[in-house]
Each structure stands twice: as structure tokens, then as C-alpha cells.
Amino acid sequence: MAKAKVQYQCTDCGATLPKWAGQCGKCHAWNTMTETVIEATSNVKSLRNRDHIAVPSEVCFLDTVDAEVSFRLSTGMVELDRAVGGGLATGSVTLIGGDPGIGKSTLLIQMLSVLGSEGGVKTLYVSGEESAQQISLRGHRLDLVLEKIKLLTENNLERILSVASTERPEVIVIDSIQTVYTEILQSAPGSVAQVRESAAQLVRYAKQTNTTVLLAGHVTKDGALAGPRVLEHMVDTVLYFEGDTSSRYRVIRSIKNRYGAVNEIGVFAMTDKGLKEVSNPSAIFLSRHEEQVTGSVIMVTKEGTRPLLVEVQALVDTSPLGNPRRVSVGLEQNRLSMLLAVLHRHAGINTADQDVFINVVGGIRVTETAADLAIILAVISSLKDLPLPQDLIVFGEVGLAGEIRPVQNGLERLNEAVKHGFKRAIVPKSNKPRQNIEGMEVIAVSRLSDAISQLQ
């Protein structure tokens, strides 16, 4: 048997080299070059083509293609359906990543239990990490209906596809993709080549048989999905578990979705009976202090199509260091430094000798610029020891010139705040509603100085 040719590929940027190097010559990342097979032997090529025969495509006009999703499977969990765009699309491939122990396997087996018992869907759970006894113990501990779930403990891809071709399940769960290997390649399971080739064959099988496939994925210590970045490009939907394993709450965020909106989130609470849906997530992220406290501001962020109320806290204290600290949890740290500079330049409030700590309560991550105004007002509240009203909500983007810029879906944010009993709002002038909102006093501001004057 002829030896397969190999090359070395960077897991970050995809650049290839004929021999191993400690640093990638293209993106300059260290220790990212991994061995991949570039030429298969004749018998390996026959293995590759044995079960998957390419179907020739035909040219057609785009307007003649049916744009509707043929069918969606409801998972039985409203929050999970929201994250994936309204249900699992048939023939789609979904990748679910998250830290160890955060609840990936628990969520998947709960979903299969509901699909099998309530929806009558044929399912197959493939585990390459745990034994059948371990999975059964988890299912009984969670009080799930297990009689409709078919289980296969296998990590050889060819045998998995052979069983799937015989059983013809409508939904397949692979837990996890890093443990699956194919006989086409000689590298170890979990290597870049194995993960890429195994995922490619599973995607091909899903599209040809119209089977819904869900892949559980490991993450690295940096929080990124393990394996090649091309893995995220190959699948249709990428979901990430967010939150600390020591915290009760879990957030599933859609990073990529070919069948729905991205950045949608589903909120769950981890209990002794598995993951339970949180129907009103705004309530769990609000502390509702018994008395007014300094450095606390409520803002309305937009996560996908859902407005969400979160509490932004700031702590400003005199720094004993020559270089004061800027610590941000749940918000971008570089943006915090920029906002402090704007605060000094356009409001005359200096924090150069102060340590500034910012935290978003509940472990949620806010990425939009609507948090700018809330951060600045929280910093001022802590610095000047000035408590803000408990019925006040704030949102708005702050520009470098000190202007307050509008954000999207301002009316929806205000309506969400009214539902939770808030009576005052400081918003950008362009986001002021044309008609008054009953029970809400809307204060429109166009400059940073105007917003700060409302705190007096």
C-alpha cells in the first residue's frame, strides 16, 4: 500500500506548508500547524465513494427555486426553537459547542426524548464518549422517556453511516464530532483532518437523505470550537453555550444560522431534572435592590429578535497603581477605555487615577453599542456616589464627538421596559416615540452632557 502524502495546515487561517513549522508564515500564530493527508490511496478513494455517490446538479433559474423551508421539527423547547430559527429544519446540520459539563449532552438527550415520545420522530443517539450505561443513568436521573431513543455507542464513521442507512432515523445526534474517525485517514480521532473529513461526510449524508443531524463539539481553553475553523463553515447552524458551569443559568446563542436570524438566544436554568426553559429572562437578570445603590443602571439590549433587560454595574475606586485597571466582564474592554476618554473630553470627568470595573449581571454578554450610555452613567453614579432611580432604564450609543446616536428597535425596547414596571427612560433623541407611551416618561437626549444633567 502506497503511503499517503501529507502536508501541514494552520488551524487558524488554513495556510499550508510542506513541512512542520512552529509558527504559521501567513497569520504568525504559534503551534497551529497540524498534519493533514492530501492524497488518498486507491482503496481509500474507493471507501470515500462507496456510500456517497455524487448526484449531478442541474442549472436552473433562481426564481424557480422554492424558497420555503420544507419542514421544521419542533424540539418541544420554545427557547431552543427560538435559537435555531423556529425549529430544526429537515436536512440541516447543527453544531453545538460549549465548555465541559455545561449541559450539551443533557440538552440533546432531553430534546430526543421529547421528539420521540411527543412528536413520534425516529431518532438515533450516537455516543463516542460515554457508554450505554452512563447515558441510560443520565436519562433515568432526568426522568426522561427513553423507550423511543435508539442508542449507538460507536465512533467509526463508516459503521455509523451504515447503521443510519439501515435504521433511517429522522434526527441523528453525534456526541461528539471530535471522537469520530473515518478509515479514509490514518490520523488520530480529534485531529484537524479527521474532524473535517468526518463532518464533511455527515453533512453530505444529511443533505442526500434529508436527515437532521446535530453535532456536539468540544471547545478549547480559549472558548473556540476545537478542530479546524472550516467546521463552522460546513454546518448550517452554530450554537454556543454561554455561562459559567457554577452558575444556574445557561444561554444558548446562535452564532450562525442559514435558516433563521443570527444572535438569537435561548435561556435555560440547570436543575436536578435537566435544563428548564426560562420564559421571562429579563426577570432573572434584574437584581431589584431593596434600596437605591450606586453604580447600577438598567439597560435594554436586543438579542436577536428579543429585547432583554439587563443590569450594568460599575465600581470606580482610587487606584494604588500607576496604571489604573480597566476590567470589563460581559462587555468589550477596549470600548470601555474609549468611553472613559469620551467622558473626560466632553464631560470633564476624569478617571485617569481610578480603577474602573464593569460587570453585566447574570453572566450575559452584551456586544451591541446600545450599552454605551448605560456604562457611562453607571461609572458616573459610582464615581460621584450618586444612586440612580430604580425605575430608570437607559440605552444609546455614544459617539467620539459626545453625541448620543440612535439604536435599532427603540420602541420595542421601551415597550419591554414598561412591561417590567419601569417609568422613566433616557434614550437618544431619534429613538423618542412619536406617541406617548402610557406609564413611561421618555427623556430624549442628543448630547452626553444632556444625559448627565438628568442625573442631578
Protein backbone atom coordinates (compact mmCIF):
# COMPACT_ATOMS: atom_id res chain seq x y z
CA MET A 1 0.00 0.00 0.00
CA ALA A 2 1.43 3.37 -1.00
CA LYS A 3 1.93 5.83 1.79
CA ALA A 4 -0.42 8.79 1.70
CA LYS A 5 1.15 12.19 1.17
CA VAL A 6 0.81 14.71 3.95
CA GLN A 7 1.06 18.45 4.41
CA TYR A 8 0.79 20.76 7.40
CA GLN A 9 -2.14 23.13 7.71
CA CYS A 10 -2.71 26.06 10.08
CA THR A 11 -5.86 25.57 12.17
CA ASP A 12 -6.37 29.35 12.42
CA CYS A 13 -6.04 30.64 8.86
CA GLY A 14 -5.86 27.44 6.77
CA ALA A 15 -2.44 28.13 5.25
CA THR A 16 -0.48 25.01 4.21
CA LEU A 17 3.22 24.15 4.34
CA PRO A 18 5.11 21.10 3.03
CA LYS A 19 6.81 20.61 6.40
CA TRP A 20 6.06 21.41 10.01
CA ALA A 21 6.94 24.81 11.45
CA GLY A 22 6.43 26.27 14.90
CA GLN A 23 4.89 29.47 13.55
CA CYS A 24 2.47 29.94 10.66
CA GLY A 25 4.09 32.10 8.00
CA LYS A 26 0.77 33.70 7.00
CA CYS A 27 -1.04 34.61 10.24
CA HIS A 28 2.05 34.26 12.51
CA ALA A 29 0.19 32.10 15.05
CA TRP A 30 2.31 29.71 17.10
CA ASN A 31 1.83 25.92 17.36
CA THR A 32 -1.11 25.80 14.95
CA MET A 33 0.40 23.64 12.17
CA THR A 34 -1.15 20.17 12.11
CA GLU A 35 -0.63 17.21 9.80
CA THR A 36 -3.28 16.53 7.14
CA VAL A 37 -3.50 13.95 4.37
CA ILE A 38 -3.58 15.40 0.86
CA GLU A 39 -3.58 12.24 -1.26
CA ALA A 40 -5.50 9.07 -0.60
CA THR A 41 -4.56 5.61 -1.85
CA SER A 42 -6.76 3.77 -4.33
CA ASN A 43 -8.56 1.67 -1.73
CA VAL A 44 -9.16 4.77 0.39
CA LYS A 45 -10.68 6.50 -2.61
CA SER A 46 -13.00 3.55 -3.05
CA LEU A 47 -14.04 3.85 0.61
CA ARG A 48 -14.74 7.53 0.10
CA ASN A 49 -17.02 6.88 -2.88
CA ARG A 50 -18.63 3.65 -1.74
CA ASP A 51 -21.53 5.11 0.25
CA HIS A 52 -21.73 8.61 -1.17
CA ILE A 53 -22.13 8.86 -4.91
CA ALA A 54 -22.21 12.41 -6.14
CA VAL A 55 -25.50 13.40 -7.73
CA PRO A 56 -25.00 15.66 -10.76
CA SER A 57 -26.51 19.13 -10.38
CA GLU A 58 -28.60 20.92 -12.95
CA VAL A 59 -28.59 24.60 -13.86
CA CYS A 60 -31.84 26.42 -13.06
CA PHE A 61 -33.15 29.94 -12.66
CA LEU A 62 -33.07 31.16 -9.07
CA ASP A 63 -36.65 32.45 -9.09
CA THR A 64 -37.93 28.95 -9.84
CA VAL A 65 -36.45 27.53 -6.62
CA ASP A 66 -38.83 27.08 -3.69
CA ALA A 67 -37.57 29.48 -1.00
CA GLU A 68 -39.66 27.99 1.82
CA VAL A 69 -38.13 25.59 4.34
CA SER A 70 -39.80 22.29 3.50
CA PHE A 71 -40.41 21.21 7.07
CA ARG A 72 -39.34 22.08 10.59
CA LEU A 73 -39.24 19.80 13.60
CA SER A 74 -40.24 21.42 16.88
CA THR A 75 -37.85 20.34 19.63
CA GLY A 76 -40.53 20.75 22.29
CA MET A 77 -38.45 23.51 23.87
CA VAL A 78 -39.57 27.02 22.97
CA GLU A 79 -36.20 28.53 23.87
CA LEU A 80 -34.26 26.06 21.73
CA ASP A 81 -36.69 26.52 18.83
CA ARG A 82 -36.12 30.27 19.08
CA ALA A 83 -32.34 29.86 18.95
CA VAL A 84 -32.42 27.70 15.81
CA GLY A 85 -34.93 29.91 14.00
CA GLY A 86 -38.28 28.27 14.75
CA GLY A 87 -37.38 24.58 14.86
CA LEU A 88 -34.90 22.17 13.33
CA ALA A 89 -35.00 22.31 9.54
CA THR A 90 -35.02 18.89 7.89
CA GLY A 91 -31.72 18.10 6.25
CA SER A 92 -29.87 20.69 8.33
CA VAL A 93 -26.65 20.16 10.29
CA THR A 94 -26.36 21.95 13.64
CA LEU A 95 -23.17 22.25 15.68
CA ILE A 96 -23.50 22.80 19.45
CA GLY A 97 -20.38 23.89 21.35
CA GLY A 98 -19.71 24.70 24.97
CA ASP A 99 -17.46 24.13 27.98
CA PRO A 100 -17.25 20.65 29.54
CA GLY A 101 -20.16 19.99 31.90
CA ILE A 102 -22.23 22.96 30.74
CA GLY A 103 -25.12 20.78 29.53
CA LYS A 104 -24.65 19.87 25.85
CA SER A 105 -25.38 16.15 26.26
CA THR A 106 -28.18 16.86 28.72
CA LEU A 107 -29.89 19.20 26.27
CA LEU A 108 -29.54 16.77 23.36
CA ILE A 109 -30.95 13.75 25.17
CA GLN A 110 -33.82 15.87 26.53
CA MET A 111 -34.59 17.01 23.00
CA LEU A 112 -34.55 13.45 21.62
CA SER A 113 -36.84 12.29 24.43
CA VAL A 114 -39.45 14.93 23.54
CA LEU A 115 -39.12 14.33 19.80
CA GLY A 116 -39.60 10.58 20.21
CA SER A 117 -42.32 10.50 22.86
CA GLU A 118 -44.41 13.51 21.83
CA GLY A 119 -43.57 14.03 18.17
CA GLY A 120 -43.24 10.41 17.07
CA VAL A 121 -39.91 11.20 15.40
CA LYS A 122 -37.42 8.40 14.74
CA THR A 123 -34.17 9.34 16.49
CA LEU A 124 -30.68 7.95 16.87
CA TYR A 125 -28.22 8.97 19.57
CA VAL A 126 -24.60 8.17 18.68
CA SER A 127 -22.11 8.48 21.52
CA GLY A 128 -18.38 8.18 21.09
CA GLU A 129 -17.51 9.30 24.62
CA GLU A 130 -19.87 7.57 27.03
CA SER A 131 -21.04 4.00 27.47
CA ALA A 132 -24.64 2.94 27.06
CA GLN A 133 -24.94 2.51 30.84
CA GLN A 134 -23.77 6.08 31.51
CA ILE A 135 -26.29 7.52 29.06
CA SER A 136 -29.07 5.37 30.49
CA LEU A 137 -28.24 6.51 34.04
CA ARG A 138 -28.44 10.14 32.95
CA GLY A 139 -31.77 9.58 31.22
CA HIS A 140 -33.30 7.91 34.28
CA ARG A 141 -31.91 10.59 36.60
CA LEU A 142 -33.64 13.23 34.46
CA ASP A 143 -36.91 11.20 34.41
CA LEU A 144 -36.97 11.14 30.61
CA VAL A 145 -38.97 8.85 28.33
CA LEU A 146 -36.22 6.65 26.88
CA GLU A 147 -38.18 3.95 25.07
CA LYS A 148 -38.23 5.89 21.77
CA ILE A 149 -34.50 6.76 21.74
CA LYS A 150 -32.25 4.40 19.81
CA LEU A 151 -28.66 4.40 21.07
CA LEU A 152 -25.43 3.53 19.30
CA THR A 153 -22.06 3.69 21.08
CA GLU A 154 -19.66 3.94 18.17
CA ASN A 155 -17.01 6.33 16.87
CA ASN A 156 -16.22 4.76 13.50
CA LEU A 157 -17.90 6.94 10.88
CA GLU A 158 -18.38 4.18 8.30
CA ARG A 159 -20.22 1.99 10.81
CA ILE A 160 -22.29 4.97 11.99
CA LEU A 161 -23.42 5.74 8.44
CA SER A 162 -24.13 2.06 7.80
CA VAL A 163 -26.41 1.85 10.85
CA ALA A 164 -28.07 5.13 9.91
CA SER A 165 -28.75 3.82 6.39
CA THR A 166 -30.44 0.76 7.92
CA GLU A 167 -32.40 2.48 10.70
CA ARG A 168 -33.37 5.57 8.65
CA PRO A 169 -33.74 7.98 11.62
CA GLU A 170 -35.14 11.46 11.06
CA VAL A 171 -32.82 13.03 13.65
CA ILE A 172 -29.26 11.93 14.45
CA VAL A 173 -27.16 13.24 17.34
CA ILE A 174 -23.37 12.76 17.22
CA ASP A 175 -21.78 13.26 20.65
CA SER A 176 -19.18 14.38 19.88
CA ILE A 177 -17.69 15.11 16.45
CA GLN A 178 -14.15 15.18 17.89
CA THR A 179 -14.39 11.48 18.83
CA VAL A 180 -15.49 10.28 15.38
CA TYR A 181 -12.90 8.97 12.94
CA THR A 182 -13.01 7.69 9.38
CA GLU A 183 -10.98 4.86 7.89
CA ILE A 184 -10.11 7.09 4.95
CA LEU A 185 -7.44 8.80 7.06
CA GLN A 186 -4.70 7.40 9.26
CA SER A 187 -4.54 10.29 11.73
CA ALA A 188 -5.93 10.04 15.27
CA PRO A 189 -9.52 10.97 16.17
CA GLY A 190 -9.86 14.66 17.01
CA SER A 191 -7.16 15.75 14.57
CA VAL A 192 -7.89 18.50 12.08
CA ALA A 193 -8.09 16.10 9.14
CA GLN A 194 -10.37 13.62 10.94
CA VAL A 195 -12.79 16.28 12.19
CA ARG A 196 -13.01 17.93 8.78
CA GLU A 197 -13.49 14.71 6.80
CA SER A 198 -15.97 13.21 9.29
CA ALA A 199 -18.04 16.38 9.32
CA ALA A 200 -17.97 16.58 5.53
CA GLN A 201 -19.35 13.05 5.17
CA LEU A 202 -22.06 13.69 7.79
CA VAL A 203 -23.09 16.90 6.01
CA ARG A 204 -23.23 15.02 2.71
CA TYR A 205 -25.36 12.28 4.27
CA ALA A 206 -27.75 14.83 5.82
CA LYS A 207 -28.31 16.62 2.51
CA GLN A 208 -28.76 13.45 0.45
CA THR A 209 -31.17 11.74 2.87
CA ASN A 210 -32.89 14.87 4.25
CA THR A 211 -31.89 13.83 7.78
CA THR A 212 -31.46 16.37 10.57
CA VAL A 213 -28.02 15.99 12.18
CA LEU A 214 -26.83 17.61 15.42
CA LEU A 215 -23.14 17.58 16.32
CA ALA A 216 -21.83 18.22 19.82
CA GLY A 217 -18.43 19.91 19.72
CA HIS A 218 -15.60 20.38 22.19
CA VAL A 219 -14.12 23.81 22.83
CA THR A 220 -10.55 24.86 23.50
CA LYS A 221 -9.35 26.70 26.60
CA ASP A 222 -9.91 29.96 24.70
CA GLY A 223 -13.59 29.10 24.21
CA ALA A 224 -13.40 28.42 20.46
CA LEU A 225 -14.61 25.19 18.92
CA ALA A 226 -11.88 22.58 18.75
CA GLY A 227 -10.71 21.47 15.33
CA PRO A 228 -10.47 23.41 12.07
CA ARG A 229 -12.39 26.64 11.66
CA VAL A 230 -13.80 25.23 8.44
CA LEU A 231 -16.03 23.04 10.62
CA GLU A 232 -18.19 26.07 11.40
CA HIS A 233 -18.39 26.94 7.71
CA MET A 234 -19.56 23.46 6.73
CA VAL A 235 -22.57 23.22 9.04
CA ASP A 236 -25.83 25.16 8.70
CA THR A 237 -26.21 26.35 12.28
CA VAL A 238 -23.69 27.00 15.07
CA LEU A 239 -24.92 27.26 18.66
CA TYR A 240 -22.76 28.19 21.63
CA PHE A 241 -23.49 27.57 25.29
CA GLU A 242 -22.66 30.67 27.34
CA GLY A 243 -22.44 31.00 31.10
CA ASP A 244 -20.35 29.64 33.93
CA THR A 245 -20.74 25.99 34.88
CA SER A 246 -21.02 27.13 38.51
CA SER A 247 -23.99 29.33 37.62
CA ARG A 248 -27.52 28.02 37.40
CA TYR A 249 -28.41 29.75 34.15
CA ARG A 250 -27.34 28.80 30.65
CA VAL A 251 -27.65 30.87 27.49
CA ILE A 252 -27.62 29.27 24.04
CA ARG A 253 -26.63 31.77 21.37
CA SER A 254 -26.94 31.29 17.63
CA ILE A 255 -23.66 32.40 16.01
CA LYS A 256 -24.55 31.21 12.51
CA ASN A 257 -27.88 30.17 11.06
CA ARG A 258 -28.70 29.58 7.39
CA TYR A 259 -32.36 29.04 8.27
CA GLY A 260 -33.01 31.97 10.60
CA ALA A 261 -31.69 35.06 12.35
CA VAL A 262 -28.28 35.02 13.99
CA ASN A 263 -27.57 36.16 17.54
CA GLU A 264 -30.86 34.70 18.79
CA ILE A 265 -30.63 33.34 22.31
CA GLY A 266 -32.43 30.75 24.38
CA VAL A 267 -32.26 30.92 28.17
CA PHE A 268 -32.32 27.83 30.37
CA ALA A 269 -31.90 27.05 34.05
CA MET A 270 -29.96 23.95 35.10
CA THR A 271 -31.85 21.89 37.68
CA ASP A 272 -31.58 18.38 39.10
CA LYS A 273 -34.02 17.31 36.37
CA GLY A 274 -32.06 18.83 33.50
CA LEU A 275 -32.39 22.10 31.63
CA LYS A 276 -35.61 24.02 32.20
CA GLU A 277 -36.74 26.88 29.99
CA VAL A 278 -36.79 30.44 31.32
CA SER A 279 -39.80 32.13 29.73
CA ASN A 280 -39.08 35.60 31.16
CA PRO A 281 -35.29 36.02 31.09
CA SER A 282 -35.40 39.76 31.84
CA ALA A 283 -36.62 38.99 35.36
CA ILE A 284 -33.59 36.83 36.23
CA PHE A 285 -31.04 39.42 35.07
CA LEU A 286 -32.51 42.21 37.23
CA SER A 287 -31.36 42.39 40.83
CA ARG A 288 -34.20 44.63 42.05
CA HIS A 289 -32.30 46.09 45.01
CA GLU A 290 -34.39 46.85 48.09
CA GLU A 291 -32.89 50.33 48.18
CA GLN A 292 -31.09 52.57 45.73
CA VAL A 293 -27.43 51.66 45.14
CA THR A 294 -24.67 53.50 43.33
CA GLY A 295 -23.11 52.27 40.09
CA SER A 296 -26.17 50.31 38.94
CA VAL A 297 -28.07 51.05 35.71
CA ILE A 298 -30.71 49.01 33.87
CA MET A 299 -30.42 48.91 30.09
CA VAL A 300 -32.43 47.20 27.33
CA THR A 301 -30.31 45.15 24.96
CA LYS A 302 -31.50 43.39 21.81
CA GLU A 303 -30.61 39.72 21.47
CA GLY A 304 -31.78 38.63 18.04
CA THR A 305 -35.48 39.46 17.93
CA ARG A 306 -35.87 39.62 21.72
CA PRO A 307 -35.45 42.78 23.84
CA LEU A 308 -33.80 41.90 27.14
CA LEU A 309 -33.41 43.93 30.32
CA VAL A 310 -30.02 43.57 32.00
CA GLU A 311 -28.28 45.35 34.83
CA VAL A 312 -24.95 47.06 34.20
CA GLN A 313 -22.87 47.63 37.34
CA ALA A 314 -19.81 49.85 37.72
CA LEU A 315 -17.31 50.17 40.53
CA VAL A 316 -14.92 53.14 40.44
CA ASP A 317 -12.26 53.38 43.13
CA THR A 318 -8.96 55.18 43.63
CA SER A 319 -6.15 53.18 42.11
CA PRO A 320 -2.95 52.47 44.07
CA LEU A 321 -1.20 51.68 40.78
CA GLY A 322 0.47 53.98 38.33
CA ASN A 323 -1.52 52.36 35.53
CA PRO A 324 -5.16 52.08 36.69
CA ARG A 325 -7.05 48.92 35.82
CA ARG A 326 -9.88 48.73 33.30
CA VAL A 327 -11.79 45.47 33.82
CA SER A 328 -14.92 44.62 31.85
CA VAL A 329 -16.99 41.44 32.28
CA GLY A 330 -19.69 40.85 29.69
CA LEU A 331 -18.70 43.94 27.66
CA GLU A 332 -15.82 44.79 25.35
CA GLN A 333 -12.88 46.15 27.33
CA ASN A 334 -11.50 48.32 24.52
CA ARG A 335 -14.85 50.08 24.23
CA LEU A 336 -14.78 50.81 27.96
CA SER A 337 -11.45 52.62 27.57
CA MET A 338 -12.86 54.62 24.66
CA LEU A 339 -15.98 55.64 26.62
CA LEU A 340 -13.87 56.81 29.57
CA ALA A 341 -11.90 59.01 27.18
CA VAL A 342 -15.15 60.46 25.78
CA LEU A 343 -16.36 61.08 29.33
CA HIS A 344 -13.22 63.06 30.12
CA ARG A 345 -13.15 65.02 26.88
CA HIS A 346 -16.83 66.02 26.67
CA ALA A 347 -17.99 65.99 30.29
CA GLY A 348 -14.81 66.95 32.15
CA ILE A 349 -14.97 63.85 34.39
CA ASN A 350 -11.50 62.37 34.83
CA THR A 351 -10.94 58.73 35.76
CA ALA A 352 -7.22 58.61 34.97
CA ASP A 353 -6.36 57.84 38.61
CA GLN A 354 -9.29 55.46 39.18
CA ASP A 355 -9.74 51.72 38.77
CA VAL A 356 -12.90 51.07 36.75
CA PHE A 357 -14.69 47.73 36.90
CA ILE A 358 -17.75 46.98 34.74
CA ASN A 359 -19.97 43.93 35.05
CA VAL A 360 -23.16 42.72 33.36
CA VAL A 361 -25.25 40.89 35.96
CA GLY A 362 -26.24 37.30 35.25
CA GLY A 363 -23.27 36.34 33.09
CA ILE A 364 -24.82 37.54 29.85
CA ARG A 365 -22.58 39.02 27.15
CA VAL A 366 -23.62 42.33 25.56
CA THR A 367 -22.00 43.07 22.21
CA GLU A 368 -24.08 45.94 20.84
CA THR A 369 -23.25 49.64 21.17
CA ALA A 370 -26.59 50.42 22.85
CA ALA A 371 -24.82 49.76 26.16
CA ASP A 372 -22.57 52.83 25.80
CA LEU A 373 -24.81 55.32 27.60
CA ALA A 374 -25.60 52.84 30.38
CA ILE A 375 -21.87 52.24 31.00
CA ILE A 376 -21.09 55.95 31.24
CA LEU A 377 -23.98 56.68 33.61
CA ALA A 378 -23.05 53.71 35.80
CA VAL A 379 -19.45 54.99 36.01
CA ILE A 380 -20.64 58.49 36.96
CA SER A 381 -23.02 57.06 39.56
CA SER A 382 -20.24 55.08 41.24
CA LEU A 383 -17.64 57.86 40.98
CA LYS A 384 -19.88 60.55 42.45
CA ASP A 385 -21.69 58.19 44.87
CA LEU A 386 -24.97 59.17 43.22
CA PRO A 387 -27.70 56.47 43.24
CA LEU A 388 -29.93 56.37 40.18
CA PRO A 389 -33.72 55.88 40.31
CA GLN A 390 -34.80 52.24 40.38
CA ASP A 391 -37.48 52.85 37.75
CA LEU A 392 -34.99 54.25 35.19
CA ILE A 393 -33.82 52.46 32.05
CA VAL A 394 -31.14 53.70 29.66
CA PHE A 395 -29.89 52.82 26.18
CA GLY A 396 -28.00 54.62 23.42
CA GLU A 397 -24.71 54.69 21.51
CA VAL A 398 -22.15 57.34 22.42
CA GLY A 399 -20.01 58.75 19.62
CA LEU A 400 -16.48 60.13 19.90
CA ALA A 401 -17.82 63.66 19.46
CA GLY A 402 -20.03 63.27 22.53
CA GLU A 403 -23.24 62.80 20.56
CA ILE A 404 -25.88 60.23 21.52
CA ARG A 405 -26.62 58.12 18.46
CA PRO A 406 -29.82 56.12 17.90
CA VAL A 407 -30.05 52.34 18.11
CA GLN A 408 -32.33 49.86 16.39
CA ASN A 409 -35.79 48.89 17.65
CA GLY A 410 -36.09 51.68 20.18
CA LEU A 411 -39.87 51.32 20.55
CA GLU A 412 -39.66 47.60 21.25
CA ARG A 413 -37.08 48.25 23.97
CA LEU A 414 -39.33 50.83 25.63
CA ASN A 415 -42.35 48.52 25.50
CA GLU A 416 -40.33 45.76 27.15
CA ALA A 417 -39.31 48.16 29.93
CA VAL A 418 -42.94 49.19 30.54
CA LYS A 419 -43.91 45.53 30.99
CA HIS A 420 -41.46 45.28 33.89
CA GLY A 421 -42.65 48.41 35.66
CA PHE A 422 -40.09 50.99 34.55
CA LYS A 423 -41.43 54.53 34.38
CA ARG A 424 -38.53 56.66 33.11
CA ALA A 425 -36.19 56.25 30.17
CA ILE A 426 -33.17 58.17 28.89
CA VAL A 427 -32.89 57.45 25.17
CA PRO A 428 -31.36 59.03 22.04
CA LYS A 429 -33.40 61.82 20.55
CA SER A 430 -34.00 59.88 17.33
CA ASN A 431 -35.44 56.96 19.32
CA LYS A 432 -38.12 59.04 21.01
CA PRO A 433 -41.52 57.57 20.04
CA ARG A 434 -43.93 59.77 18.11
CA GLN A 435 -46.73 58.94 20.50
CA ASN A 436 -46.51 58.92 24.26
CA ILE A 437 -46.19 55.53 25.94
CA GLU A 438 -48.64 55.12 28.80
CA GLY A 439 -46.84 54.90 32.12
CA MET A 440 -43.45 55.87 30.69
CA GLU A 441 -41.67 59.23 30.75
CA VAL A 442 -39.24 59.29 27.85
CA ILE A 443 -36.33 61.74 28.13
CA ALA A 444 -34.68 62.27 24.74
CA VAL A 445 -31.06 63.47 24.70
CA SER A 446 -28.76 64.35 21.82
CA ARG A 447 -25.51 65.09 23.68
CA LEU A 448 -23.67 63.36 26.51
CA SER A 449 -23.91 66.49 28.63
CA ASP A 450 -27.72 66.39 28.29
CA ALA A 451 -27.83 62.84 29.64
CA ILE A 452 -25.54 63.65 32.56
CA SER A 453 -27.68 66.67 33.50
CA GLN A 454 -30.63 64.32 34.04
CA LEU A 455 -28.76 62.69 36.94
CA GLN A 456 -28.68 65.82 39.04
